[in-house]
Amino acid sequence: MNDTRAGPGDPDQPTDHADGEHARNSPLTRAVILAAALEIIDRGSVDQLSMRRLGEALGRDPMALYRHAANKDALLDGVTEIVLGQLTVNSSDPDWRHQLRVIAREFRRLAVAHPNVVPLLVTHTLATPLGLRPLPTLRPLEHILELLTRADFSDTEALHIYRALFGFLYGHVLTELQEIVARPEETTDPLRLGLQRLPLGEFPLLRGLAPVLAAYDGGTEFERGLEILLTGLTGLTATLTPTAPQPRREHRP
């Protein structure tokens, strides 16, 4: 079970003077801006990211940032790019199961290292049609499809496997990051989890699971779920049948 996380910092809190001076004397590039944006999100939240705050962190006039990022959405796309850019896929690995395990574990590591970025990976990215997403965010998909088609899966089967894998990964990291201990200083599991706030006489099963909930181990749950998924995928070629594409509504901004 994760310990209580510190709340977001004060968005008006001044940045470190030395850091600001160092940034002011460094060339202003897109990479520098995105690294600073990621740091702001990691320290606080997505909501705390703004051009003004980013300008303060870099020791620059916020208007200068617009030459590298049109708006906050462009910054969020860029932050997603640099996080997913760390997700490497060896599409030539002859053992596709091994490579999917490596990819899955690396994705979880990135999510745990950057918990405040997870909503961007899951909701912000998925709110954009596939072909309109930043190219770096599509490379893991392309490389996983290549990995699986090299393993003699059809294109359609490879896409189904990718969807199953990332459906599990998104669901797991969202669940794991919500497993927060309310009051770690308490000595009983119901109090640590805040279950005493539940109405008496209701939620008896949830109350009874307090020891299990308090003993949550994200890594163990992850490995268990991943093994179940990969075991099921082993017989995929015998069960998958392509379905006709269904019409989809046009994306409206």
C-alpha atoms as a PDB file:
ATOM      1  CA  MET A   1       0.000   0.000   0.000  1.00  0.00           C
ATOM      2  CA  ASN A   2       1.350   3.416  -0.907  1.00  0.00           C
ATOM      3  CA  ASP A   3       1.976   5.951   1.843  1.00  0.00           C
ATOM      4  CA  THR A   4       0.141   9.245   1.870  1.00  0.00           C
ATOM      5  CA  ARG A   5       1.471  11.571  -0.783  1.00  0.00           C
ATOM      6  CA  ALA A   6       2.198  15.188  -0.096  1.00  0.00           C
ATOM      7  CA  GLY A   7      -0.404  17.539  -1.479  1.00  0.00           C
ATOM      8  CA  PRO A   8       0.338  19.889  -4.359  1.00  0.00           C
ATOM      9  CA  GLY A   9       2.715  22.713  -3.540  1.00  0.00           C
ATOM     10  CA  ASP A  10       1.746  26.354  -3.565  1.00  0.00           C
ATOM     11  CA  PRO A  11       1.544  27.446  -7.208  1.00  0.00           C
ATOM     12  CA  ASP A  12       2.722  30.935  -6.167  1.00  0.00           C
ATOM     13  CA  GLN A  13       5.777  29.635  -4.320  1.00  0.00           C
ATOM     14  CA  PRO A  14       8.905  31.232  -5.835  1.00  0.00           C
ATOM     15  CA  THR A  15      11.362  28.998  -7.629  1.00  0.00           C
ATOM     16  CA  ASP A  16      14.908  28.518  -6.387  1.00  0.00           C
ATOM     17  CA  HIS A  17      16.974  31.589  -7.283  1.00  0.00           C
ATOM     18  CA  ALA A  18      20.096  29.641  -8.222  1.00  0.00           C
ATOM     19  CA  ASP A  19      18.141  27.318 -10.490  1.00  0.00           C
ATOM     20  CA  GLY A  20      16.495  30.304 -12.142  1.00  0.00           C
ATOM     21  CA  GLU A  21      19.847  32.000 -12.778  1.00  0.00           C
ATOM     22  CA  HIS A  22      21.292  28.795 -14.241  1.00  0.00           C
ATOM     23  CA  ALA A  23      18.286  28.386 -16.532  1.00  0.00           C
ATOM     24  CA  ARG A  24      18.444  32.065 -17.552  1.00  0.00           C
ATOM     25  CA  ASN A  25      22.018  31.606 -18.775  1.00  0.00           C
ATOM     26  CA  SER A  26      21.249  28.372 -20.659  1.00  0.00           C
ATOM     27  CA  PRO A  27      19.922  28.209 -24.239  1.00  0.00           C
ATOM     28  CA  LEU A  28      16.134  27.998 -24.319  1.00  0.00           C
ATOM     29  CA  THR A  29      15.199  24.886 -26.275  1.00  0.00           C
ATOM     30  CA  ARG A  30      12.107  22.704 -26.488  1.00  0.00           C
ATOM     31  CA  ALA A  31      13.916  19.943 -24.586  1.00  0.00           C
ATOM     32  CA  VAL A  32      14.817  22.324 -21.739  1.00  0.00           C
ATOM     33  CA  ILE A  33      11.247  23.616 -21.552  1.00  0.00           C
ATOM     34  CA  LEU A  34       9.707  20.132 -21.492  1.00  0.00           C
ATOM     35  CA  ALA A  35      12.150  18.919 -18.825  1.00  0.00           C
ATOM     36  CA  ALA A  36      11.146  21.870 -16.628  1.00  0.00           C
ATOM     37  CA  ALA A  37       7.452  21.217 -17.321  1.00  0.00           C
ATOM     38  CA  LEU A  38       7.853  17.583 -16.287  1.00  0.00           C
ATOM     39  CA  GLU A  39       9.597  18.661 -13.085  1.00  0.00           C
ATOM     40  CA  ILE A  40       6.720  21.006 -12.203  1.00  0.00           C
ATOM     41  CA  ILE A  41       4.188  18.207 -12.767  1.00  0.00           C
ATOM     42  CA  ASP A  42       6.269  15.715 -10.775  1.00  0.00           C
ATOM     43  CA  ARG A  43       6.545  18.125  -7.836  1.00  0.00           C
ATOM     44  CA  GLY A  44       2.897  19.156  -7.838  1.00  0.00           C
ATOM     45  CA  SER A  45       0.308  18.268 -10.460  1.00  0.00           C
ATOM     46  CA  VAL A  46      -0.738  18.866 -14.040  1.00  0.00           C
ATOM     47  CA  ASP A  47      -2.946  21.723 -12.816  1.00  0.00           C
ATOM     48  CA  GLN A  48       0.104  23.581 -11.495  1.00  0.00           C
ATOM     49  CA  LEU A  49       1.724  23.760 -14.913  1.00  0.00           C
ATOM     50  CA  SER A  50       1.295  27.134 -16.597  1.00  0.00           C
ATOM     51  CA  MET A  51       3.364  29.317 -18.894  1.00  0.00           C
ATOM     52  CA  ARG A  52       3.876  31.804 -16.047  1.00  0.00           C
ATOM     53  CA  ARG A  53       5.104  29.186 -13.601  1.00  0.00           C
ATOM     54  CA  LEU A  54       7.260  27.576 -16.270  1.00  0.00           C
ATOM     55  CA  GLY A  55       8.779  30.945 -17.101  1.00  0.00           C
ATOM     56  CA  GLU A  56       9.616  31.469 -13.431  1.00  0.00           C
ATOM     57  CA  ALA A  57      11.248  28.044 -13.214  1.00  0.00           C
ATOM     58  CA  LEU A  58      13.377  28.806 -16.278  1.00  0.00           C
ATOM     59  CA  GLY A  59      14.089  32.411 -15.322  1.00  0.00           C
ATOM     60  CA  ARG A  60      12.582  33.605 -18.595  1.00  0.00           C
ATOM     61  CA  ASP A  61       9.764  35.799 -19.826  1.00  0.00           C
ATOM     62  CA  PRO A  62       6.777  33.433 -20.289  1.00  0.00           C
ATOM     63  CA  MET A  63       6.145  34.984 -23.705  1.00  0.00           C
ATOM     64  CA  ALA A  64       9.466  33.550 -24.911  1.00  0.00           C
ATOM     65  CA  LEU A  65       8.136  30.043 -24.310  1.00  0.00           C
ATOM     66  CA  TYR A  66       5.479  30.383 -26.986  1.00  0.00           C
ATOM     67  CA  ARG A  67       8.156  30.098 -29.661  1.00  0.00           C
ATOM     68  CA  HIS A  68       8.606  26.475 -28.582  1.00  0.00           C
ATOM     69  CA  ALA A  69       5.118  25.486 -27.364  1.00  0.00           C
ATOM     70  CA  ALA A  70       1.901  27.045 -28.640  1.00  0.00           C
ATOM     71  CA  ASN A  71      -0.085  26.499 -25.438  1.00  0.00           C
ATOM     72  CA  LYS A  72      -0.450  24.296 -22.378  1.00  0.00           C
ATOM     73  CA  ASP A  73      -1.871  21.410 -24.407  1.00  0.00           C
ATOM     74  CA  ALA A  74       1.292  21.434 -26.507  1.00  0.00           C
ATOM     75  CA  LEU A  75       3.325  21.275 -23.299  1.00  0.00           C
ATOM     76  CA  LEU A  76       1.286  18.309 -22.066  1.00  0.00           C
ATOM     77  CA  ASP A  77       1.790  16.520 -25.386  1.00  0.00           C
ATOM     78  CA  GLY A  78       5.502  17.162 -25.073  1.00  0.00           C
ATOM     79  CA  VAL A  79       5.664  15.845 -21.513  1.00  0.00           C
ATOM     80  CA  THR A  80       3.866  12.702 -22.662  1.00  0.00           C
ATOM     81  CA  GLU A  81       6.415  12.378 -25.456  1.00  0.00           C
ATOM     82  CA  ILE A  82       9.458  12.520 -23.196  1.00  0.00           C
ATOM     83  CA  VAL A  83       8.007  10.014 -20.705  1.00  0.00           C
ATOM     84  CA  LEU A  84       6.879   7.516 -23.352  1.00  0.00           C
ATOM     85  CA  GLY A  85      10.144   8.146 -25.181  1.00  0.00           C
ATOM     86  CA  GLN A  86      11.844   6.234 -22.356  1.00  0.00           C
ATOM     87  CA  LEU A  87       9.755   3.143 -23.156  1.00  0.00           C
ATOM     88  CA  THR A  88      12.019   1.098 -25.396  1.00  0.00           C
ATOM     89  CA  VAL A  89      10.858  -1.901 -27.420  1.00  0.00           C
ATOM     90  CA  ASN A  90      13.228  -4.479 -28.869  1.00  0.00           C
ATOM     91  CA  SER A  91      11.148  -5.527 -31.858  1.00  0.00           C
ATOM     92  CA  SER A  92      13.773  -8.096 -32.883  1.00  0.00           C
ATOM     93  CA  ASP A  93      13.534 -10.074 -29.630  1.00  0.00           C
ATOM     94  CA  PRO A  94      12.808 -13.702 -30.651  1.00  0.00           C
ATOM     95  CA  ASP A  95      10.887 -14.276 -27.396  1.00  0.00           C
ATOM     96  CA  TRP A  96       7.799 -12.047 -27.690  1.00  0.00           C
ATOM     97  CA  ARG A  97       6.521 -13.005 -24.233  1.00  0.00           C
ATOM     98  CA  HIS A  98       9.803 -11.947 -22.642  1.00  0.00           C
ATOM     99  CA  GLN A  99       9.766  -8.646 -24.517  1.00  0.00           C
ATOM    100  CA  LEU A 100       6.164  -7.897 -23.497  1.00  0.00           C
ATOM    101  CA  ARG A 101       7.170  -8.507 -19.876  1.00  0.00           C
ATOM    102  CA  VAL A 102      10.077  -6.071 -20.279  1.00  0.00           C
ATOM    103  CA  ILE A 103       7.795  -3.456 -21.851  1.00  0.00           C
ATOM    104  CA  ALA A 104       5.119  -3.899 -19.189  1.00  0.00           C
ATOM    105  CA  ARG A 105       7.567  -3.642 -16.294  1.00  0.00           C
ATOM    106  CA  GLU A 106       9.202  -0.569 -17.809  1.00  0.00           C
ATOM    107  CA  PHE A 107       5.811   1.101 -18.310  1.00  0.00           C
ATOM    108  CA  ARG A 108       4.923   0.468 -14.666  1.00  0.00           C
ATOM    109  CA  ARG A 109       8.317   1.815 -13.566  1.00  0.00           C
ATOM    110  CA  LEU A 110       7.717   5.032 -15.508  1.00  0.00           C
ATOM    111  CA  ALA A 111       4.207   5.350 -14.064  1.00  0.00           C
ATOM    112  CA  VAL A 112       5.439   4.906 -10.485  1.00  0.00           C
ATOM    113  CA  ALA A 113       8.302   7.351 -11.096  1.00  0.00           C
ATOM    114  CA  HIS A 114       5.925   9.955 -12.579  1.00  0.00           C
ATOM    115  CA  PRO A 115       2.518   9.339 -10.952  1.00  0.00           C
ATOM    116  CA  ASN A 116       1.240  12.813 -11.807  1.00  0.00           C
ATOM    117  CA  VAL A 117       1.886  12.132 -15.504  1.00  0.00           C
ATOM    118  CA  VAL A 118      -0.259   8.970 -15.550  1.00  0.00           C
ATOM    119  CA  PRO A 119      -3.495  10.898 -16.295  1.00  0.00           C
ATOM    120  CA  LEU A 120      -1.746  12.327 -19.354  1.00  0.00           C
ATOM    121  CA  LEU A 121      -0.700   8.863 -20.508  1.00  0.00           C
ATOM    122  CA  VAL A 122      -4.181   7.440 -20.043  1.00  0.00           C
ATOM    123  CA  THR A 123      -6.754  10.180 -20.584  1.00  0.00           C
ATOM    124  CA  HIS A 124      -5.057  13.094 -22.353  1.00  0.00           C
ATOM    125  CA  THR A 125      -3.462  10.862 -24.982  1.00  0.00           C
ATOM    126  CA  LEU A 126      -6.551   8.726 -25.539  1.00  0.00           C
ATOM    127  CA  ALA A 127      -8.724  11.810 -26.025  1.00  0.00           C
ATOM    128  CA  THR A 128      -6.812  12.466 -29.258  1.00  0.00           C
ATOM    129  CA  PRO A 129      -7.469  10.435 -32.426  1.00  0.00           C
ATOM    130  CA  LEU A 130      -4.661   7.994 -33.140  1.00  0.00           C
ATOM    131  CA  GLY A 131      -3.331   9.728 -36.245  1.00  0.00           C
ATOM    132  CA  LEU A 132      -3.262  13.143 -34.545  1.00  0.00           C
ATOM    133  CA  ARG A 133      -1.146  12.078 -31.571  1.00  0.00           C
ATOM    134  CA  PRO A 134       2.523  13.100 -31.330  1.00  0.00           C
ATOM    135  CA  LEU A 135       4.632  10.666 -33.343  1.00  0.00           C
ATOM    136  CA  PRO A 136       6.871   9.627 -30.396  1.00  0.00           C
ATOM    137  CA  THR A 137       3.775   8.387 -28.535  1.00  0.00           C
ATOM    138  CA  LEU A 138       2.949   6.074 -31.462  1.00  0.00           C
ATOM    139  CA  ARG A 139       6.375   4.470 -31.770  1.00  0.00           C
ATOM    140  CA  PRO A 140       5.843   1.934 -28.942  1.00  0.00           C
ATOM    141  CA  LEU A 141       2.676   0.786 -30.720  1.00  0.00           C
ATOM    142  CA  GLU A 142       4.449   0.436 -34.068  1.00  0.00           C
ATOM    143  CA  HIS A 143       7.380  -1.433 -32.531  1.00  0.00           C
ATOM    144  CA  ILE A 144       5.144  -3.797 -30.556  1.00  0.00           C
ATOM    145  CA  LEU A 145       3.188  -4.583 -33.722  1.00  0.00           C
ATOM    146  CA  GLU A 146       6.503  -5.292 -35.440  1.00  0.00           C
ATOM    147  CA  LEU A 147       7.601  -7.536 -32.561  1.00  0.00           C
ATOM    148  CA  LEU A 148       4.405  -9.573 -32.738  1.00  0.00           C
ATOM    149  CA  THR A 149       4.182  -9.871 -36.503  1.00  0.00           C
ATOM    150  CA  ARG A 150       7.782 -11.122 -36.480  1.00  0.00           C
ATOM    151  CA  ALA A 151       6.480 -13.820 -34.091  1.00  0.00           C
ATOM    152  CA  ASP A 152       3.991 -14.932 -36.798  1.00  0.00           C
ATOM    153  CA  PHE A 153       0.927 -13.192 -35.415  1.00  0.00           C
ATOM    154  CA  SER A 154      -1.223 -11.541 -38.036  1.00  0.00           C
ATOM    155  CA  ASP A 155      -1.490  -7.750 -38.079  1.00  0.00           C
ATOM    156  CA  THR A 156      -4.957  -7.985 -36.546  1.00  0.00           C
ATOM    157  CA  GLU A 157      -3.848 -10.403 -33.830  1.00  0.00           C
ATOM    158  CA  ALA A 158      -0.892  -8.171 -33.001  1.00  0.00           C
ATOM    159  CA  LEU A 159      -3.211  -5.194 -32.555  1.00  0.00           C
ATOM    160  CA  HIS A 160      -5.517  -7.221 -30.273  1.00  0.00           C
ATOM    161  CA  ILE A 161      -2.520  -8.250 -28.158  1.00  0.00           C
ATOM    162  CA  TYR A 162      -1.340  -4.633 -27.899  1.00  0.00           C
ATOM    163  CA  ARG A 163      -4.805  -3.517 -26.799  1.00  0.00           C
ATOM    164  CA  ALA A 164      -5.040  -6.293 -24.223  1.00  0.00           C
ATOM    165  CA  LEU A 165      -1.576  -5.483 -22.839  1.00  0.00           C
ATOM    166  CA  PHE A 166      -2.096  -1.740 -22.522  1.00  0.00           C
ATOM    167  CA  GLY A 167      -5.646  -2.159 -21.283  1.00  0.00           C
ATOM    168  CA  PHE A 168      -4.146  -4.125 -18.413  1.00  0.00           C
ATOM    169  CA  LEU A 169      -1.294  -1.653 -17.897  1.00  0.00           C
ATOM    170  CA  TYR A 170      -3.549   1.421 -17.813  1.00  0.00           C
ATOM    171  CA  GLY A 171      -5.961  -0.288 -15.439  1.00  0.00           C
ATOM    172  CA  HIS A 172      -3.219  -1.522 -13.142  1.00  0.00           C
ATOM    173  CA  VAL A 173      -1.313   1.750 -12.770  1.00  0.00           C
ATOM    174  CA  LEU A 174      -4.528   3.681 -12.135  1.00  0.00           C
ATOM    175  CA  THR A 175      -5.481   1.151  -9.453  1.00  0.00           C
ATOM    176  CA  GLU A 176      -2.028   1.044  -7.899  1.00  0.00           C
ATOM    177  CA  LEU A 177      -1.718   4.817  -7.655  1.00  0.00           C
ATOM    178  CA  GLN A 178      -5.114   5.007  -5.937  1.00  0.00           C
ATOM    179  CA  GLU A 179      -4.058   2.592  -3.191  1.00  0.00           C
ATOM    180  CA  ILE A 180      -3.256   5.385  -0.744  1.00  0.00           C
ATOM    181  CA  VAL A 181      -3.010   5.062   3.034  1.00  0.00           C
ATOM    182  CA  ALA A 182      -5.082   7.832   4.603  1.00  0.00           C
ATOM    183  CA  ARG A 183      -3.406   7.889   8.041  1.00  0.00           C
ATOM    184  CA  PRO A 184      -0.147   5.877   8.131  1.00  0.00           C
ATOM    185  CA  GLU A 185       0.426   6.751  11.788  1.00  0.00           C
ATOM    186  CA  GLU A 186      -2.611   4.714  12.914  1.00  0.00           C
ATOM    187  CA  THR A 187      -2.084   1.210  14.291  1.00  0.00           C
ATOM    188  CA  THR A 188      -5.230  -0.530  12.977  1.00  0.00           C
ATOM    189  CA  ASP A 189      -5.960  -1.192   9.318  1.00  0.00           C
ATOM    190  CA  PRO A 190      -9.488   0.325   9.253  1.00  0.00           C
ATOM    191  CA  LEU A 191      -8.174   3.571  10.739  1.00  0.00           C
ATOM    192  CA  ARG A 192      -5.136   3.640   8.445  1.00  0.00           C
ATOM    193  CA  LEU A 193      -7.452   3.312   5.438  1.00  0.00           C
ATOM    194  CA  GLY A 194     -10.083   5.721   6.738  1.00  0.00           C
ATOM    195  CA  LEU A 195     -12.760   3.003   6.733  1.00  0.00           C
ATOM    196  CA  GLN A 196     -14.174   4.282  10.016  1.00  0.00           C
ATOM    197  CA  ARG A 197     -15.890   6.973   7.958  1.00  0.00           C
ATOM    198  CA  LEU A 198     -18.107   4.415   6.245  1.00  0.00           C
ATOM    199  CA  PRO A 199     -21.685   4.228   7.624  1.00  0.00           C
ATOM    200  CA  LEU A 200     -22.081   1.539  10.294  1.00  0.00           C
ATOM    201  CA  GLY A 201     -23.988  -1.466   9.009  1.00  0.00           C
ATOM    202  CA  GLU A 202     -22.973  -0.822   5.407  1.00  0.00           C
ATOM    203  CA  PHE A 203     -20.037  -2.160   3.389  1.00  0.00           C
ATOM    204  CA  PRO A 204     -19.418  -5.204   5.632  1.00  0.00           C
ATOM    205  CA  LEU A 205     -17.319  -6.964   2.971  1.00  0.00           C
ATOM    206  CA  LEU A 206     -15.174  -3.902   2.373  1.00  0.00           C
ATOM    207  CA  ARG A 207     -14.600  -3.455   6.101  1.00  0.00           C
ATOM    208  CA  GLY A 208     -13.684  -7.129   6.445  1.00  0.00           C
ATOM    209  CA  LEU A 209     -11.060  -6.774   3.727  1.00  0.00           C
ATOM    210  CA  ALA A 210      -9.180  -4.046   5.601  1.00  0.00           C
ATOM    211  CA  PRO A 211      -6.096  -6.241   6.314  1.00  0.00           C
ATOM    212  CA  VAL A 212      -5.915  -7.312   2.673  1.00  0.00           C
ATOM    213  CA  LEU A 213      -6.362  -3.757   1.422  1.00  0.00           C
ATOM    214  CA  ALA A 214      -3.687  -2.480   3.795  1.00  0.00           C
ATOM    215  CA  ALA A 215      -1.249  -5.163   2.649  1.00  0.00           C
ATOM    216  CA  TYR A 216      -1.563  -4.193  -1.027  1.00  0.00           C
ATOM    217  CA  ASP A 217       1.684  -4.750  -2.921  1.00  0.00           C
ATOM    218  CA  GLY A 218       1.587  -3.116  -6.342  1.00  0.00           C
ATOM    219  CA  GLY A 219       4.549  -5.063  -7.679  1.00  0.00           C
ATOM    220  CA  THR A 220       3.121  -8.432  -6.680  1.00  0.00           C
ATOM    221  CA  GLU A 221      -0.337  -7.603  -8.040  1.00  0.00           C
ATOM    222  CA  PHE A 222       1.252  -6.404 -11.252  1.00  0.00           C
ATOM    223  CA  GLU A 223       3.259  -9.580 -11.800  1.00  0.00           C
ATOM    224  CA  ARG A 224       0.223 -11.747 -11.038  1.00  0.00           C
ATOM    225  CA  GLY A 225      -1.957  -9.872 -13.498  1.00  0.00           C
ATOM    226  CA  LEU A 226       0.755  -9.834 -16.166  1.00  0.00           C
ATOM    227  CA  GLU A 227       1.240 -13.605 -15.877  1.00  0.00           C
ATOM    228  CA  ILE A 228      -2.508 -14.207 -16.201  1.00  0.00           C
ATOM    229  CA  LEU A 229      -2.593 -11.977 -19.279  1.00  0.00           C
ATOM    230  CA  LEU A 230       0.383 -13.593 -21.015  1.00  0.00           C
ATOM    231  CA  THR A 231      -0.882 -17.083 -20.238  1.00  0.00           C
ATOM    232  CA  GLY A 232      -4.154 -16.179 -21.902  1.00  0.00           C
ATOM    233  CA  LEU A 233      -2.384 -14.666 -24.898  1.00  0.00           C
ATOM    234  CA  THR A 234      -0.450 -17.880 -25.505  1.00  0.00           C
ATOM    235  CA  GLY A 235      -3.515 -19.493 -27.073  1.00  0.00           C
ATOM    236  CA  LEU A 236      -4.603 -16.329 -28.852  1.00  0.00           C
ATOM    237  CA  THR A 237      -4.051 -17.532 -32.418  1.00  0.00           C
ATOM    238  CA  ALA A 238      -6.545 -20.357 -31.870  1.00  0.00           C
ATOM    239  CA  THR A 239      -9.303 -18.085 -30.567  1.00  0.00           C
ATOM    240  CA  LEU A 240      -8.996 -14.706 -32.300  1.00  0.00           C
ATOM    241  CA  THR A 241     -11.276 -14.047 -35.229  1.00  0.00           C
ATOM    242  CA  PRO A 242     -11.101 -10.667 -36.949  1.00  0.00           C
ATOM    243  CA  THR A 243     -14.292  -8.626 -36.743  1.00  0.00           C
ATOM    244  CA  ALA A 244     -15.571  -6.166 -39.313  1.00  0.00           C
ATOM    245  CA  PRO A 245     -14.666  -2.572 -38.463  1.00  0.00           C
ATOM    246  CA  GLN A 246     -17.518  -0.590 -36.995  1.00  0.00           C
ATOM    247  CA  PRO A 247     -18.272   3.009 -38.042  1.00  0.00           C
ATOM    248  CA  ARG A 248     -17.006   5.542 -35.535  1.00  0.00           C
ATOM    249  CA  ARG A 249     -18.147   9.035 -34.785  1.00  0.00           C
ATOM    250  CA  GLU A 250     -15.984  11.835 -36.052  1.00  0.00           C
ATOM    251  CA  HIS A 251     -13.775  13.489 -33.459  1.00  0.00           C
ATOM    252  CA  ARG A 252     -15.021  16.924 -32.538  1.00  0.00           C
ATOM    253  CA  PRO A 253     -12.576  19.304 -30.876  1.00  0.00           C
END
